[in-house]
């Protein structure tokens, strides 16, 4: 038997989980708890701001679509009446 031992299954599973986490979230730190509370709060605030921007953009697009659909409805109604 060689001097290199196969790691136990527990170590292998932990390694696989860490690798999968790195692949799924490459921009996130590998261990979020190694950061200070202020850094974690800052990251959460940035994520929340990004989420709010997406919601505001979606709301604006929905309002624009509603206005467009109402205009089309009025044009169709006018077309039917004439």
PDB file of N, CA and C in Angstrom:
ATOM      1  N   UNK A   1       0.834  -1.175   0.000  1.00  0.00           N
ATOM      2  CA  UNK A   1       0.000   0.000   0.000  1.00  0.00           C
ATOM      3  C   UNK A   1       0.883   1.245   0.000  1.00  0.00           C
ATOM      4  N   UNK A   2       0.501   2.257  -0.784  1.00  0.00           N
ATOM      5  CA  UNK A   2       1.311   3.470  -0.902  1.00  0.00           C
ATOM      6  C   UNK A   2       1.110   4.369   0.307  1.00  0.00           C
ATOM      7  N   UNK A   3       1.935   5.408   0.405  1.00  0.00           N
ATOM      8  CA  UNK A   3       1.869   6.337   1.523  1.00  0.00           C
ATOM      9  C   UNK A   3       0.689   7.293   1.430  1.00  0.00           C
ATOM     10  N   UNK A   4       0.020   7.380   0.268  1.00  0.00           N
ATOM     11  CA  UNK A   4      -1.124   8.275   0.086  1.00  0.00           C
ATOM     12  C   UNK A   4      -2.387   7.529   0.464  1.00  0.00           C
ATOM     13  N   UNK A   5      -3.095   8.068   1.444  1.00  0.00           N
ATOM     14  CA  UNK A   5      -4.333   7.432   1.864  1.00  0.00           C
ATOM     15  C   UNK A   5      -5.518   8.146   1.240  1.00  0.00           C
ATOM     16  N   UNK A   6      -6.527   7.367   0.954  1.00  0.00           N
ATOM     17  CA  UNK A   6      -7.757   7.935   0.398  1.00  0.00           C
ATOM     18  C   UNK A   6      -8.494   8.677   1.517  1.00  0.00           C
ATOM     19  N   UNK A   7      -8.978   9.917   1.252  1.00  0.00           N
ATOM     20  CA  UNK A   7      -9.698  10.635   2.303  1.00  0.00           C
ATOM     21  C   UNK A   7     -11.003   9.920   2.631  1.00  0.00           C
ATOM     22  N   UNK A   8     -11.464  10.112   3.846  1.00  0.00           N
ATOM     23  CA  UNK A   8     -12.710   9.471   4.241  1.00  0.00           C
ATOM     24  C   UNK A   8     -13.869  10.076   3.467  1.00  0.00           C
ATOM     25  N   UNK A   9     -15.007   9.407   3.515  1.00  0.00           N
ATOM     26  CA  UNK A   9     -16.188   9.897   2.803  1.00  0.00           C
ATOM     27  C   UNK A   9     -16.653  11.240   3.336  1.00  0.00           C
ATOM     28  N   UNK A  10     -16.501  11.467   4.620  1.00  0.00           N
ATOM     29  CA  UNK A  10     -16.942  12.731   5.214  1.00  0.00           C
ATOM     30  C   UNK A  10     -16.126  13.884   4.638  1.00  0.00           C
ATOM     31  N   UNK A  11     -14.833  13.721   4.555  1.00  0.00           N
ATOM     32  CA  UNK A  11     -13.985  14.760   3.986  1.00  0.00           C
ATOM     33  C   UNK A  11     -14.329  14.953   2.514  1.00  0.00           C
ATOM     34  N   UNK A  12     -14.556  13.859   1.804  1.00  0.00           N
ATOM     35  CA  UNK A  12     -14.891  13.954   0.390  1.00  0.00           C
ATOM     36  C   UNK A  12     -16.205  14.698   0.185  1.00  0.00           C
ATOM     37  N   UNK A  13     -17.214  14.399   1.002  1.00  0.00           N
ATOM     38  CA  UNK A  13     -18.503  15.082   0.869  1.00  0.00           C
ATOM     39  C   UNK A  13     -18.373  16.564   1.190  1.00  0.00           C
ATOM     40  N   UNK A  14     -17.610  16.900   2.211  1.00  0.00           N
ATOM     41  CA  UNK A  14     -17.417  18.312   2.553  1.00  0.00           C
ATOM     42  C   UNK A  14     -16.710  19.035   1.409  1.00  0.00           C
ATOM     43  N   UNK A  15     -15.725  18.364   0.821  1.00  0.00           N
ATOM     44  CA  UNK A  15     -14.998  18.963  -0.300  1.00  0.00           C
ATOM     45  C   UNK A  15     -15.933  19.155  -1.495  1.00  0.00           C
ATOM     46  N   UNK A  16     -16.759  18.170  -1.772  1.00  0.00           N
ATOM     47  CA  UNK A  16     -17.705  18.290  -2.896  1.00  0.00           C
ATOM     48  C   UNK A  16     -18.693  19.417  -2.666  1.00  0.00           C
ATOM     49  N   UNK A  17     -19.201  19.546  -1.445  1.00  0.00           N
ATOM     50  CA  UNK A  17     -20.132  20.639  -1.142  1.00  0.00           C
ATOM     51  C   UNK A  17     -19.459  21.986  -1.338  1.00  0.00           C
ATOM     52  N   UNK A  18     -18.231  22.115  -0.878  1.00  0.00           N
ATOM     53  CA  UNK A  18     -17.508  23.385  -1.027  1.00  0.00           C
ATOM     54  C   UNK A  18     -17.263  23.698  -2.504  1.00  0.00           C
ATOM     55  N   UNK A  19     -16.881  22.696  -3.282  1.00  0.00           N
ATOM     56  CA  UNK A  19     -16.660  22.910  -4.717  1.00  0.00           C
ATOM     57  C   UNK A  19     -17.948  23.310  -5.413  1.00  0.00           C
ATOM     58  N   UNK A  20     -19.042  22.655  -5.073  1.00  0.00           N
ATOM     59  CA  UNK A  20     -20.337  22.962  -5.686  1.00  0.00           C
ATOM     60  C   UNK A  20     -20.758  24.384  -5.311  1.00  0.00           C
ATOM     61  N   UNK A  21     -20.547  24.752  -4.072  1.00  0.00           N
ATOM     62  CA  UNK A  21     -20.879  26.104  -3.633  1.00  0.00           C
ATOM     63  C   UNK A  21     -20.064  27.137  -4.403  1.00  0.00           C
ATOM     64  N   UNK A  22     -18.799  26.853  -4.621  1.00  0.00           N
ATOM     65  CA  UNK A  22     -17.941  27.782  -5.378  1.00  0.00           C
ATOM     66  C   UNK A  22     -18.403  27.908  -6.825  1.00  0.00           C
ATOM     67  N   UNK A  23     -18.866  26.790  -7.414  1.00  0.00           N
ATOM     68  CA  UNK A  23     -19.342  26.834  -8.795  1.00  0.00           C
ATOM     69  C   UNK A  23     -20.663  27.574  -8.902  1.00  0.00           C
ATOM     70  N   UNK A  24     -21.575  27.355  -7.955  1.00  0.00           N
ATOM     71  CA  UNK A  24     -22.889  27.995  -8.011  1.00  0.00           C
ATOM     72  C   UNK A  24     -22.826  29.475  -7.667  1.00  0.00           C
ATOM     73  N   UNK A  25     -21.927  29.848  -6.776  1.00  0.00           N
ATOM     74  CA  UNK A  25     -21.824  31.235  -6.326  1.00  0.00           C
ATOM     75  C   UNK A  25     -20.377  31.689  -6.412  1.00  0.00           C
ATOM     76  N   UNK A  26     -19.877  31.883  -7.625  1.00  0.00           N
ATOM     77  CA  UNK A  26     -18.453  32.223  -7.753  1.00  0.00           C
ATOM     78  C   UNK A  26     -18.088  33.590  -7.193  1.00  0.00           C
ATOM     79  N   UNK A  27     -19.043  34.523  -7.122  1.00  0.00           N
ATOM     80  CA  UNK A  27     -18.714  35.864  -6.641  1.00  0.00           C
ATOM     81  C   UNK A  27     -18.837  35.975  -5.135  1.00  0.00           C
ATOM     82  N   UNK A  28     -19.473  35.001  -4.502  1.00  0.00           N
ATOM     83  CA  UNK A  28     -19.633  35.042  -3.055  1.00  0.00           C
ATOM     84  C   UNK A  28     -18.413  34.447  -2.378  1.00  0.00           C
ATOM     85  N   UNK A  29     -18.145  34.915  -1.191  1.00  0.00           N
ATOM     86  CA  UNK A  29     -17.009  34.327  -0.473  1.00  0.00           C
ATOM     87  C   UNK A  29     -17.317  32.885  -0.094  1.00  0.00           C
ATOM     88  N   UNK A  30     -16.280  32.100   0.048  1.00  0.00           N
ATOM     89  CA  UNK A  30     -16.484  30.690   0.362  1.00  0.00           C
ATOM     90  C   UNK A  30     -17.046  30.510   1.761  1.00  0.00           C
ATOM     91  N   UNK A  31     -16.698  31.386   2.651  1.00  0.00           N
ATOM     92  CA  UNK A  31     -17.213  31.316   4.000  1.00  0.00           C
ATOM     93  C   UNK A  31     -17.680  32.700   4.402  1.00  0.00           C
ATOM     94  N   UNK A  32     -18.980  32.944   4.285  1.00  0.00           N
ATOM     95  CA  UNK A  32     -19.515  34.275   4.548  1.00  0.00           C
ATOM     96  C   UNK A  32     -19.299  34.688   5.996  1.00  0.00           C
ATOM     97  N   UNK A  33     -19.241  33.726   6.887  1.00  0.00           N
ATOM     98  CA  UNK A  33     -19.097  34.065   8.298  1.00  0.00           C
ATOM     99  C   UNK A  33     -17.679  34.475   8.663  1.00  0.00           C
ATOM    100  N   UNK A  34     -16.744  34.367   7.737  1.00  0.00           N
ATOM    101  CA  UNK A  34     -15.394  34.831   8.021  1.00  0.00           C
ATOM    102  C   UNK A  34     -15.315  36.352   7.888  1.00  0.00           C
ATOM    103  N   UNK A  35     -16.346  36.960   7.326  1.00  0.00           N
ATOM    104  CA  UNK A  35     -16.376  38.408   7.190  1.00  0.00           C
ATOM    105  C   UNK A  35     -16.935  39.036   8.462  1.00  0.00           C
ATOM    106  N   UNK A  36     -16.648  40.306   8.652  1.00  0.00           N
ATOM    107  CA  UNK A  36     -17.190  41.010   9.814  1.00  0.00           C
ATOM    108  C   UNK A  36     -18.675  41.279   9.592  1.00  0.00           C
ATOM    109  N   UNK A  37     -19.348  41.611  10.667  1.00  0.00           N
ATOM    110  CA  UNK A  37     -20.775  41.900  10.585  1.00  0.00           C
ATOM    111  C   UNK A  37     -21.039  43.073   9.655  1.00  0.00           C
ATOM    112  N   UNK A  38     -20.198  44.094   9.697  1.00  0.00           N
ATOM    113  CA  UNK A  38     -20.385  45.256   8.833  1.00  0.00           C
ATOM    114  C   UNK A  38     -20.260  44.882   7.363  1.00  0.00           C
ATOM    115  N   UNK A  39     -19.310  44.002   7.049  1.00  0.00           N
ATOM    116  CA  UNK A  39     -19.144  43.564   5.658  1.00  0.00           C
ATOM    117  C   UNK A  39     -20.344  42.761   5.187  1.00  0.00           C
ATOM    118  N   UNK A  40     -20.854  41.898   6.058  1.00  0.00           N
ATOM    119  CA  UNK A  40     -22.032  41.105   5.681  1.00  0.00           C
ATOM    120  C   UNK A  40     -23.249  41.993   5.501  1.00  0.00           C
ATOM    121  N   UNK A  41     -23.429  42.978   6.393  1.00  0.00           N
ATOM    122  CA  UNK A  41     -24.555  43.904   6.255  1.00  0.00           C
ATOM    123  C   UNK A  41     -24.426  44.738   4.982  1.00  0.00           C
ATOM    124  N   UNK A  42     -23.213  45.148   4.671  1.00  0.00           N
ATOM    125  CA  UNK A  42     -22.977  45.907   3.455  1.00  0.00           C
ATOM    126  C   UNK A  42     -23.349  45.085   2.221  1.00  0.00           C
ATOM    127  N   UNK A  43     -22.961  43.809   2.224  1.00  0.00           N
ATOM    128  CA  UNK A  43     -23.299  42.927   1.103  1.00  0.00           C
ATOM    129  C   UNK A  43     -24.815  42.739   0.991  1.00  0.00           C
ATOM    130  N   UNK A  44     -25.486  42.568   2.134  1.00  0.00           N
ATOM    131  CA  UNK A  44     -26.940  42.425   2.121  1.00  0.00           C
ATOM    132  C   UNK A  44     -27.621  43.684   1.618  1.00  0.00           C
ATOM    133  N   UNK A  45     -27.127  44.856   2.033  1.00  0.00           N
ATOM    134  CA  UNK A  45     -27.698  46.113   1.551  1.00  0.00           C
ATOM    135  C   UNK A  45     -27.510  46.257   0.048  1.00  0.00           C
ATOM    136  N   UNK A  46     -26.366  45.862  -0.458  1.00  0.00           N
ATOM    137  CA  UNK A  46     -26.118  45.943  -1.900  1.00  0.00           C
ATOM    138  C   UNK A  46     -27.049  44.998  -2.660  1.00  0.00           C
ATOM    139  N   UNK A  47     -27.230  43.788  -2.129  1.00  0.00           N
ATOM    140  CA  UNK A  47     -28.151  42.839  -2.763  1.00  0.00           C
ATOM    141  C   UNK A  47     -29.582  43.357  -2.722  1.00  0.00           C
ATOM    142  N   UNK A  48     -29.969  43.951  -1.590  1.00  0.00           N
ATOM    143  CA  UNK A  48     -31.309  44.501  -1.453  1.00  0.00           C
ATOM    144  C   UNK A  48     -31.523  45.661  -2.415  1.00  0.00           C
ATOM    145  N   UNK A  49     -30.524  46.532  -2.555  1.00  0.00           N
ATOM    146  CA  UNK A  49     -30.623  47.641  -3.506  1.00  0.00           C
ATOM    147  C   UNK A  49     -30.788  47.139  -4.933  1.00  0.00           C
ATOM    148  N   UNK A  50     -30.033  46.094  -5.273  1.00  0.00           N
ATOM    149  CA  UNK A  50     -30.134  45.516  -6.613  1.00  0.00           C
ATOM    150  C   UNK A  50     -31.529  44.921  -6.844  1.00  0.00           C
ATOM    151  N   UNK A  51     -32.076  44.278  -5.809  1.00  0.00           N
ATOM    152  CA  UNK A  51     -33.416  43.708  -5.901  1.00  0.00           C
ATOM    153  C   UNK A  51     -34.466  44.801  -6.068  1.00  0.00           C
ATOM    154  N   UNK A  52     -34.326  45.885  -5.305  1.00  0.00           N
ATOM    155  CA  UNK A  52     -35.277  46.996  -5.424  1.00  0.00           C
ATOM    156  C   UNK A  52     -35.224  47.636  -6.804  1.00  0.00           C
ATOM    157  N   UNK A  53     -34.025  47.766  -7.360  1.00  0.00           N
ATOM    158  CA  UNK A  53     -33.904  48.313  -8.712  1.00  0.00           C
ATOM    159  C   UNK A  53     -34.651  47.442  -9.714  1.00  0.00           C
ATOM    160  N   UNK A  54     -34.537  46.137  -9.567  1.00  0.00           N
ATOM    161  CA  UNK A  54     -35.243  45.225 -10.473  1.00  0.00           C
ATOM    162  C   UNK A  54     -36.750  45.359 -10.318  1.00  0.00           C
ATOM    163  N   UNK A  55     -37.228  45.504  -9.089  1.00  0.00           N
ATOM    164  CA  UNK A  55     -38.665  45.660  -8.856  1.00  0.00           C
ATOM    165  C   UNK A  55     -39.165  46.978  -9.442  1.00  0.00           C
ATOM    166  N   UNK A  56     -38.408  48.048  -9.259  1.00  0.00           N
ATOM    167  CA  UNK A  56     -38.810  49.351  -9.806  1.00  0.00           C
ATOM    168  C   UNK A  56     -38.827  49.303 -11.331  1.00  0.00           C
ATOM    169  N   UNK A  57     -37.812  48.685 -11.937  1.00  0.00           N
ATOM    170  CA  UNK A  57     -37.787  48.565 -13.398  1.00  0.00           C
ATOM    171  C   UNK A  57     -38.967  47.749 -13.904  1.00  0.00           C
ATOM    172  N   UNK A  58     -39.277  46.667 -13.208  1.00  0.00           N
ATOM    173  CA  UNK A  58     -40.400  45.822 -13.605  1.00  0.00           C
ATOM    174  C   UNK A  58     -41.711  46.577 -13.488  1.00  0.00           C
ATOM    175  N   UNK A  59     -41.856  47.353 -12.415  1.00  0.00           N
ATOM    176  CA  UNK A  59     -43.074  48.145 -12.231  1.00  0.00           C
ATOM    177  C   UNK A  59     -43.213  49.182 -13.333  1.00  0.00           C
ATOM    178  N   UNK A  60     -42.117  49.834 -13.681  1.00  0.00           N
ATOM    179  CA  UNK A  60     -42.160  50.839 -14.750  1.00  0.00           C
ATOM    180  C   UNK A  60     -42.555  50.197 -16.076  1.00  0.00           C
ATOM    181  N   UNK A  61     -41.967  49.035 -16.377  1.00  0.00           N
ATOM    182  CA  UNK A  61     -42.318  48.342 -17.614  1.00  0.00           C
ATOM    183  C   UNK A  61     -43.787  47.924 -17.612  1.00  0.00           C
ATOM    184  N   UNK A  62     -44.288  47.478 -16.470  1.00  0.00           N
ATOM    185  CA  UNK A  62     -45.699  47.079 -16.378  1.00  0.00           C
ATOM    186  C   UNK A  62     -46.604  48.285 -16.608  1.00  0.00           C
ATOM    187  N   UNK A  63     -46.250  49.433 -16.049  1.00  0.00           N
ATOM    188  CA  UNK A  63     -47.045  50.646 -16.263  1.00  0.00           C
ATOM    189  C   UNK A  63     -47.020  51.058 -17.729  1.00  0.00           C
ATOM    190  N   UNK A  64     -45.841  50.991 -18.349  1.00  0.00           N
ATOM    191  CA  UNK A  64     -45.734  51.336 -19.770  1.00  0.00           C
ATOM    192  C   UNK A  64     -46.582  50.389 -20.621  1.00  0.00           C
ATOM    193  N   UNK A  65     -46.535  49.102 -20.301  1.00  0.00           N
ATOM    194  CA  UNK A  65     -47.339  48.122 -21.052  1.00  0.00           C
ATOM    195  C   UNK A  65     -48.826  48.379 -20.853  1.00  0.00           C
ATOM    196  N   UNK A  66     -49.215  48.733 -19.634  1.00  0.00           N
ATOM    197  CA  UNK A  66     -50.625  49.024 -19.365  1.00  0.00           C
ATOM    198  C   UNK A  66     -51.079  50.228 -20.183  1.00  0.00           C
ATOM    199  N   UNK A  67     -50.260  51.283 -20.209  1.00  0.00           N
ATOM    200  CA  UNK A  67     -50.613  52.472 -20.990  1.00  0.00           C
ATOM    201  C   UNK A  67     -50.736  52.129 -22.474  1.00  0.00           C
ATOM    202  N   UNK A  68     -49.814  51.320 -22.970  1.00  0.00           N
ATOM    203  CA  UNK A  68     -49.837  50.922 -24.370  1.00  0.00           C
ATOM    204  C   UNK A  68     -51.093  50.099 -24.672  1.00  0.00           C
ATOM    205  N   UNK A  69     -51.424  49.176 -23.789  1.00  0.00           N
ATOM    206  CA  UNK A  69     -52.614  48.336 -24.011  1.00  0.00           C
ATOM    207  C   UNK A  69     -53.900  49.178 -23.958  1.00  0.00           C
ATOM    208  N   UNK A  70     -53.950  50.156 -23.067  1.00  0.00           N
ATOM    209  CA  UNK A  70     -55.125  51.027 -22.995  1.00  0.00           C
ATOM    210  C   UNK A  70     -55.262  51.851 -24.271  1.00  0.00           C
ATOM    211  N   UNK A  71     -54.119  52.313 -24.809  1.00  0.00           N
ATOM    212  CA  UNK A  71     -54.154  53.066 -26.054  1.00  0.00           C
ATOM    213  C   UNK A  71     -54.660  52.183 -27.199  1.00  0.00           C
ATOM    214  N   UNK A  72     -54.173  50.947 -27.247  1.00  0.00           N
ATOM    215  CA  UNK A  72     -54.641  50.019 -28.282  1.00  0.00           C
ATOM    216  C   UNK A  72     -56.129  49.734 -28.136  1.00  0.00           C
ATOM    217  N   UNK A  73     -56.584  49.568 -26.908  1.00  0.00           N
ATOM    218  CA  UNK A  73     -57.999  49.313 -26.666  1.00  0.00           C
ATOM    219  C   UNK A  73     -58.847  50.484 -27.145  1.00  0.00           C
ATOM    220  N   UNK A  74     -58.397  51.709 -26.845  1.00  0.00           N
ATOM    221  CA  UNK A  74     -59.138  52.890 -27.319  1.00  0.00           C
ATOM    222  C   UNK A  74     -59.183  52.950 -28.843  1.00  0.00           C
ATOM    223  N   UNK A  75     -58.045  52.645 -29.480  1.00  0.00           N
ATOM    224  CA  UNK A  75     -58.010  52.650 -30.960  1.00  0.00           C
ATOM    225  C   UNK A  75     -58.952  51.598 -31.533  1.00  0.00           C
ATOM    226  N   UNK A  76     -58.976  50.420 -30.953  1.00  0.00           N
ATOM    227  CA  UNK A  76     -59.884  49.368 -31.419  1.00  0.00           C
ATOM    228  C   UNK A  76     -61.338  49.763 -31.205  1.00  0.00           C
ATOM    229  N   UNK A  77     -61.602  50.366 -30.069  1.00  0.00           N
ATOM    230  CA  UNK A  77     -62.977  50.795 -29.764  1.00  0.00           C
ATOM    231  C   UNK A  77     -63.422  51.862 -30.763  1.00  0.00           C
ATOM    232  N   UNK A  78     -62.554  52.842 -31.043  1.00  0.00           N
ATOM    233  CA  UNK A  78     -62.866  53.887 -32.000  1.00  0.00           C
ATOM    234  C   UNK A  78     -63.061  53.311 -33.394  1.00  0.00           C
ATOM    235  N   UNK A  79     -62.267  52.330 -33.732  1.00  0.00           N
ATOM    236  CA  UNK A  79     -62.349  51.698 -35.045  1.00  0.00           C
ATOM    237  C   UNK A  79     -63.682  50.968 -35.203  1.00  0.00           C
ATOM    238  N   UNK A  80     -64.144  50.311 -34.161  1.00  0.00           N
ATOM    239  CA  UNK A  80     -65.418  49.583 -34.212  1.00  0.00           C
ATOM    240  C   UNK A  80     -66.609  50.532 -34.286  1.00  0.00           C
ATOM    241  N   UNK A  81     -66.493  51.687 -33.632  1.00  0.00           N
ATOM    242  CA  UNK A  81     -67.607  52.636 -33.615  1.00  0.00           C
ATOM    243  C   UNK A  81     -67.734  53.377 -34.946  1.00  0.00           C
ATOM    244  N   UNK A  82     -66.669  53.501 -35.713  1.00  0.00           N
ATOM    245  CA  UNK A  82     -66.779  54.235 -36.966  1.00  0.00           C
ATOM    246  C   UNK A  82     -67.080  53.350 -38.132  1.00  0.00           C
TER     247      UNK A  82
END
